Protein backbone atom coordinates (compact mmCIF):
# COMPACT_ATOMS: atom_id res chain seq x y z
CA UNK A 1 112.89 148.89 126.07
CA UNK A 2 113.03 147.74 122.43
CA UNK A 3 115.63 145.11 123.33
CA UNK A 4 113.34 143.78 126.07
CA UNK A 5 110.46 143.43 123.55
CA UNK A 6 112.74 141.46 121.21
CA UNK A 7 113.55 139.07 124.03
CA UNK A 8 109.85 138.76 124.86
CA UNK A 9 109.08 137.99 121.19
CA UNK A 10 111.60 135.13 121.23
CA UNK A 11 110.28 133.37 124.35
CA UNK A 12 106.86 132.49 125.73
CA UNK A 13 105.83 133.56 129.22
CA UNK A 14 106.95 130.13 130.43
CA UNK A 15 110.40 130.68 128.88
CA UNK A 16 110.03 128.41 125.82
CA UNK A 17 112.15 129.44 122.81
CA UNK A 18 109.53 130.02 120.09
CA UNK A 19 111.95 129.69 117.14
CA UNK A 20 113.35 126.42 118.49
CA UNK A 21 109.84 124.96 118.70
CA UNK A 22 109.01 126.14 115.17
CA UNK A 23 112.19 124.52 113.83
CA UNK A 24 111.49 121.28 115.70
CA UNK A 25 107.97 121.27 114.27
CA UNK A 26 109.27 121.76 110.71
CA UNK A 27 111.56 118.75 111.09
CA UNK A 28 109.05 116.49 112.80
CA UNK A 29 107.36 115.05 109.71
CA UNK A 30 103.91 115.39 108.22
CA UNK A 31 101.42 117.95 109.42
CA UNK A 32 98.01 116.75 110.58
CA UNK A 33 96.41 117.58 107.21
CA UNK A 34 99.29 116.03 105.25
CA UNK A 35 98.96 112.84 107.29
CA UNK A 36 95.19 112.81 106.80
CA UNK A 37 95.62 113.20 103.02
CA UNK A 38 98.26 110.43 102.88
CA UNK A 39 96.05 108.02 104.81
CA UNK A 40 93.06 108.82 102.63
CA UNK A 41 95.03 108.26 99.41
CA UNK A 42 96.65 105.04 100.54
CA UNK A 43 93.86 103.33 102.46
CA UNK A 44 90.62 104.88 101.25
CA UNK A 45 87.72 105.25 103.61
CA UNK A 46 84.53 107.16 104.30
CA UNK A 47 84.60 110.85 103.32
CA UNK A 48 87.97 110.74 101.59
CA UNK A 49 86.82 111.57 98.07
CA UNK A 50 88.27 115.08 98.26
CA UNK A 51 91.74 113.49 98.41
CA UNK A 52 91.15 111.08 95.54
CA UNK A 53 93.09 111.45 92.31
CA UNK A 54 90.89 108.86 90.57
CA UNK A 55 89.14 110.05 87.41
CA UNK A 56 85.57 109.04 88.22
CA UNK A 57 84.41 109.51 84.63
CA UNK A 58 87.16 107.19 83.33
CA UNK A 59 86.09 104.52 85.83
CA UNK A 60 82.47 104.89 84.71
CA UNK A 61 83.52 104.53 81.05
CA UNK A 62 85.60 101.42 81.85
CA UNK A 63 82.74 99.90 83.80
CA UNK A 64 80.33 100.58 80.95
CA UNK A 65 82.71 99.02 78.43
CA UNK A 66 83.05 95.94 80.64
CA UNK A 67 79.28 95.58 80.83
CA UNK A 68 78.97 95.96 77.05
CA UNK A 69 81.51 93.20 76.37
């Protein structure tokens, strides 16, 4: 019976090899969240500030210095 459970753990009810799908997924590229972060960092857009690596305070200081000069 234990051997039957091991076989059932390897395949879905439809017969899909679970480990093969996991491996294919690992090799397929960026995850949804990784892709979303990449797009936000490279193109900007609404609601992407959580992905920003810009130092907002440094930008404010530079803007202030530009206005002063």
